[in-house]
Protein backbone atom coordinates (compact mmCIF):
# COMPACT_ATOMS: atom_id res chain seq x y z
CA MET A 1 0.00 0.00 0.00
CA ILE A 2 1.48 3.31 -1.15
CA LEU A 3 0.46 6.79 0.03
CA GLU A 4 1.47 9.69 -2.21
CA ILE A 5 1.00 13.24 -0.97
CA ALA A 6 0.46 16.18 -3.31
CA ALA A 7 2.74 18.72 -1.66
CA ASN A 8 2.30 22.35 -2.70
CA SER A 9 5.58 23.55 -1.14
CA VAL A 10 8.82 22.28 0.32
CA ALA A 11 7.23 22.64 3.77
CA SER A 12 4.34 20.43 2.66
CA ALA A 13 6.78 17.88 1.26
CA LEU A 14 8.60 17.70 4.58
CA ALA A 15 5.28 17.37 6.42
CA ALA A 16 4.37 14.49 4.11
CA GLN A 17 7.64 12.74 4.89
CA GLN A 18 7.28 13.30 8.63
CA GLY A 19 3.72 11.98 8.57
CA GLY A 20 4.71 8.69 6.92
CA ALA A 21 3.97 9.23 3.23
CA ASN A 22 5.70 6.89 0.81
CA ARG A 23 6.10 9.40 -2.01
CA VAL A 24 5.68 13.12 -2.71
CA GLU A 25 4.25 14.77 -5.80
CA LEU A 26 5.62 18.31 -5.64
CA CYS A 27 3.57 21.08 -7.22
CA THR A 28 2.33 24.61 -6.61
CA ALA A 29 -1.14 26.20 -6.79
CA LEU A 30 -3.27 23.28 -5.63
CA GLU A 31 -6.25 25.63 -5.83
CA LEU A 32 -5.74 25.56 -9.63
CA GLY A 33 -5.32 21.81 -9.77
CA GLY A 34 -1.54 22.05 -9.41
CA LEU A 35 1.19 23.66 -11.51
CA THR A 36 4.92 23.03 -11.99
CA PRO A 37 7.02 24.24 -9.04
CA SER A 38 10.10 26.41 -9.44
CA HIS A 39 13.63 25.14 -9.98
CA ALA A 40 14.55 26.19 -6.44
CA GLN A 41 11.58 24.37 -4.88
CA ILE A 42 12.44 21.18 -6.74
CA ALA A 43 16.11 21.45 -5.75
CA LEU A 44 15.33 22.09 -2.08
CA ALA A 45 12.79 19.26 -1.92
CA ARG A 46 15.34 16.89 -3.45
CA GLU A 47 17.97 17.97 -0.91
CA HIS A 48 15.68 17.41 2.08
CA LEU A 49 13.56 14.39 1.15
CA ARG A 50 14.53 10.79 1.77
CA ILE A 51 11.38 9.42 0.10
CA PRO A 52 10.77 9.39 -3.68
CA LEU A 53 10.09 12.77 -5.27
CA TYR A 54 7.87 13.17 -8.33
CA VAL A 55 7.26 16.60 -9.84
CA LEU A 56 4.10 17.82 -11.53
CA ILE A 57 4.73 19.03 -15.09
CA ARG A 58 1.84 21.35 -15.90
CA PRO A 59 2.63 24.80 -17.33
CA ARG A 60 -0.74 26.43 -16.76
CA ALA A 61 -4.23 25.97 -15.35
CA GLY A 62 -7.13 24.96 -17.54
CA ASP A 63 -7.39 22.17 -20.09
CA PHE A 64 -4.70 19.77 -21.26
CA LEU A 65 -4.62 20.74 -24.93
CA TYR A 66 -1.14 22.23 -25.22
CA SER A 67 0.64 24.29 -27.87
CA GLU A 68 4.11 23.48 -29.20
CA LEU A 69 5.56 26.20 -26.98
CA GLU A 70 3.87 24.74 -23.89
CA CYS A 71 5.13 21.27 -24.78
CA GLU A 72 8.65 22.67 -25.09
CA THR A 73 8.23 24.31 -21.68
CA MET A 74 7.22 20.96 -20.21
CA ARG A 75 10.13 19.17 -21.88
CA ARG A 76 12.61 21.63 -20.39
CA ASP A 77 11.01 21.34 -16.96
CA ILE A 78 11.40 17.56 -17.22
CA GLU A 79 15.07 18.01 -18.09
CA THR A 80 15.42 20.08 -14.92
CA CYS A 81 13.91 17.24 -12.90
CA VAL A 82 16.36 14.78 -14.44
CA ALA A 83 19.32 17.07 -13.70
CA LEU A 84 18.23 17.57 -10.08
CA GLY A 85 17.91 13.84 -9.42
CA CYS A 86 14.15 13.53 -9.03
CA ASP A 87 12.56 10.08 -9.08
CA GLY A 88 9.75 10.82 -11.49
CA VAL A 89 7.47 13.28 -13.23
CA VAL A 90 3.71 13.63 -13.53
CA LEU A 91 2.34 14.72 -16.90
CA GLY A 92 -0.51 14.41 -19.39
CA VAL A 93 -1.50 15.80 -22.78
CA LEU A 94 -4.83 15.42 -24.61
CA ASP A 95 -5.78 16.28 -28.17
CA ALA A 96 -8.77 18.39 -29.19
CA GLU A 97 -10.98 15.28 -29.27
CA SER A 98 -10.15 14.50 -25.63
CA ARG A 99 -7.96 11.52 -26.50
CA VAL A 100 -4.50 10.86 -25.12
CA ASP A 101 -2.12 12.80 -27.40
CA SER A 102 0.51 10.10 -27.74
CA ALA A 103 2.49 12.06 -30.33
CA ARG A 104 3.05 14.91 -27.87
CA CYS A 105 3.49 12.68 -24.83
CA ARG A 106 6.30 10.59 -26.36
CA PRO A 107 8.95 13.37 -26.46
CA LEU A 108 8.12 14.28 -22.87
CA ILE A 109 8.46 10.70 -21.71
CA ALA A 110 11.69 10.35 -23.68
CA ALA A 111 13.06 13.45 -21.94
CA ALA A 112 12.30 11.80 -18.58
CA GLY A 113 14.71 8.97 -19.43
CA LYS A 114 14.90 6.58 -16.48
CA LEU A 115 12.55 8.63 -14.32
CA GLY A 116 9.15 7.16 -13.53
CA VAL A 117 6.17 8.71 -15.30
CA THR A 118 2.66 9.16 -13.90
CA PHE A 119 -0.15 10.22 -16.27
CA HIS A 120 -2.16 12.74 -14.25
CA ARG A 121 -5.85 13.58 -14.05
CA ALA A 122 -5.99 14.74 -17.65
CA PHE A 123 -7.05 11.09 -17.86
CA ASP A 124 -10.36 12.02 -16.23
CA LEU A 125 -11.20 14.31 -19.14
CA SER A 126 -10.58 11.64 -21.77
CA ARG A 127 -13.64 10.70 -23.81
CA ASP A 128 -13.02 6.94 -23.51
CA PRO A 129 -11.25 5.93 -20.27
CA ALA A 130 -10.76 2.32 -21.36
CA GLN A 131 -9.00 3.37 -24.58
CA ALA A 132 -7.05 6.06 -22.73
CA LEU A 133 -5.70 3.43 -20.35
CA GLU A 134 -4.48 1.32 -23.28
CA ASP A 135 -2.83 4.36 -24.86
CA ILE A 136 -1.08 5.17 -21.58
CA VAL A 137 0.14 1.58 -21.21
CA ALA A 138 1.54 1.79 -24.75
CA LEU A 139 3.40 4.99 -23.83
CA GLY A 140 5.15 3.15 -21.00
CA CYS A 141 3.79 5.16 -18.06
CA GLU A 142 3.95 3.42 -14.71
CA ARG A 143 0.71 4.75 -13.22
CA ILE A 144 -2.47 6.73 -13.84
CA LEU A 145 -3.83 9.25 -11.34
CA THR A 146 -7.62 9.30 -11.54
CA SER A 147 -10.78 10.21 -9.68
CA GLY A 148 -12.76 7.84 -11.88
CA ALA A 149 -13.88 10.81 -14.01
CA GLN A 150 -15.82 12.22 -11.06
CA VAL A 151 -15.30 15.12 -8.67
CA SER A 152 -13.85 12.75 -6.07
CA ALA A 153 -12.35 9.27 -6.12
CA PRO A 154 -15.04 7.85 -3.80
CA ASP A 155 -17.65 9.07 -6.30
CA GLY A 156 -15.70 7.44 -9.13
CA ALA A 157 -14.96 4.17 -7.30
CA ALA A 158 -16.93 1.97 -9.71
CA LEU A 159 -14.96 3.14 -12.75
CA ILE A 160 -11.68 2.97 -10.83
CA ARG A 161 -12.42 -0.67 -10.02
CA GLU A 162 -13.02 -1.37 -13.72
CA LEU A 163 -9.76 0.35 -14.61
CA VAL A 164 -7.81 -1.65 -12.02
CA ALA A 165 -9.20 -4.85 -13.53
CA GLN A 166 -8.46 -3.72 -17.09
CA ALA A 167 -4.92 -2.66 -16.19
CA ALA A 168 -4.20 -6.11 -14.76
CA GLY A 169 -0.87 -4.96 -13.36
CA ARG A 170 0.38 -3.38 -16.59
CA VAL A 171 0.00 0.09 -15.08
CA ALA A 172 -0.93 1.15 -11.55
CA VAL A 173 -4.27 2.90 -11.18
CA MET A 174 -3.96 5.41 -8.34
CA PRO A 175 -7.15 7.01 -6.96
CA GLY A 176 -6.87 10.69 -6.09
CA ALA A 177 -9.22 13.60 -5.15
CA GLY A 178 -11.31 13.76 -2.01
CA ILE A 179 -9.39 11.03 -0.18
CA THR A 180 -9.29 11.26 3.62
CA ALA A 181 -8.33 9.07 6.56
CA GLN A 182 -12.05 8.37 6.97
CA ASN A 183 -12.62 6.94 3.48
CA ILE A 184 -9.28 5.56 2.28
CA ALA A 185 -9.75 2.03 3.64
CA ALA A 186 -13.23 1.74 2.15
CA LEU A 187 -11.91 3.05 -1.15
CA ALA A 188 -9.18 0.43 -1.16
CA ALA A 189 -11.77 -2.28 -0.58
CA ALA A 190 -14.08 -0.88 -3.24
CA THR A 191 -11.48 -0.44 -5.99
CA GLY A 192 -8.69 -2.95 -5.46
CA ALA A 193 -6.17 -0.11 -5.82
CA VAL A 194 -2.94 -0.23 -3.83
CA GLU A 195 -1.64 3.31 -4.41
CA PHE A 196 -3.49 6.41 -3.21
CA HIS A 197 -3.01 10.15 -3.70
CA ALA A 198 -4.10 12.88 -1.26
CA SER A 199 -3.09 16.40 -0.31
CA ALA A 200 -3.88 16.30 3.43
CA LYS A 201 -3.90 20.08 3.33
CA GLN A 202 -4.87 22.53 6.05
CA GLN A 203 -5.24 26.30 6.18
CA HIS A 204 -2.70 27.91 8.47
CA PRO A 205 -3.57 31.43 9.72
CA SER A 206 -1.34 34.32 8.78
CA ALA A 207 1.22 35.41 11.36
CA MET A 208 1.06 39.02 10.13
CA ARG A 209 0.13 41.33 13.02
CA HIS A 210 -0.89 44.22 10.76
CA GLN A 211 -3.43 43.53 8.03
CA ARG A 212 -5.36 45.67 5.58
CA PRO A 213 -9.00 44.48 5.44
CA CYS A 214 -9.67 45.84 1.95
CA LEU A 215 -6.83 43.63 0.63
CA SER A 216 -7.68 40.52 2.62
CA ASP A 217 -7.32 38.31 -0.47
CA MET A 218 -3.58 39.07 -0.37
CA GLU A 219 -3.14 38.39 3.34
CA GLY A 220 -4.48 34.89 3.87
CA GLY A 221 -2.39 32.30 5.66
CA GLU A 222 -0.58 29.45 3.97
CA ILE A 223 -2.27 26.24 2.86
CA ARG A 224 0.02 23.25 3.30
CA SER A 225 0.00 19.53 4.00
CA ASP A 226 -0.51 18.70 7.66
CA VAL A 227 1.68 16.13 9.43
CA GLU A 228 -1.18 14.71 11.51
CA GLN A 229 -3.50 14.37 8.53
CA VAL A 230 -0.79 12.55 6.61
CA ARG A 231 -0.14 10.30 9.60
CA ALA A 232 -3.84 9.50 9.91
CA LEU A 233 -4.01 8.61 6.21
CA ALA A 234 -0.93 6.41 6.46
CA THR A 235 -2.29 4.64 9.54
CA ALA A 236 -5.69 4.03 7.94
CA LEU A 237 -4.04 2.70 4.79
CA GLN A 238 -1.99 0.20 6.77
CA THR A 239 -5.19 -1.52 7.84
CA ALA A 240 -6.84 -1.43 4.41
CA VAL A 241 -7.36 -4.64 2.49
CA PRO A 242 -7.98 -4.24 -1.25
CA GLU A 243 -10.47 -6.55 -2.90
CA HIS A 244 -9.05 -7.30 -6.31
CA PRO A 245 -11.63 -6.90 -9.09
């Protein structure tokens, strides 16, 4: 059983490690679905983490239909991850018909070299999840992050179970979105999945003593992964027993 934490900062990554996570997916802007972190954040996370570090490769918010310039941006970000000694990257590209864009994914995966590759929740926007899974297997990705094409993984549990059965060990199917310590064991039983993705995030109040009420949107506290939430997820997952489809 593997617990991956979506960490939106180096502080969140360290909290994930302290709480017992097995792997970190480093990103920024979780409120936008996650974006690629800076070179410095990746480097610092790599220096401080003892657990595997994957980095989200997503140049902007919105859909997953990318231009040539955006694909080149992603390729160079992947090269940075390779140079800094990361363990893997998390990516995904769709075409205008909401199919996996294999032609644009291949150069990105090639740039990753020996790094592991996760196909992210662009998968959930694909028009045919069963075909998308086969395309992703053909690309050589090691896992798919999915909510079962629903707002949350518990809502998409039925499709996730079908995908786990279809994958048959060729690619890991990792549920993500809306996963908590209270539902992770049931989700494992319902889907047969053995890897799970959560953010375990918590709002921390600002330590600023002087604030300007009319600019309150600029003065909120930090949102980051919480050690105790991660620990609760890890503990609950240790007792989970997946029922293989």
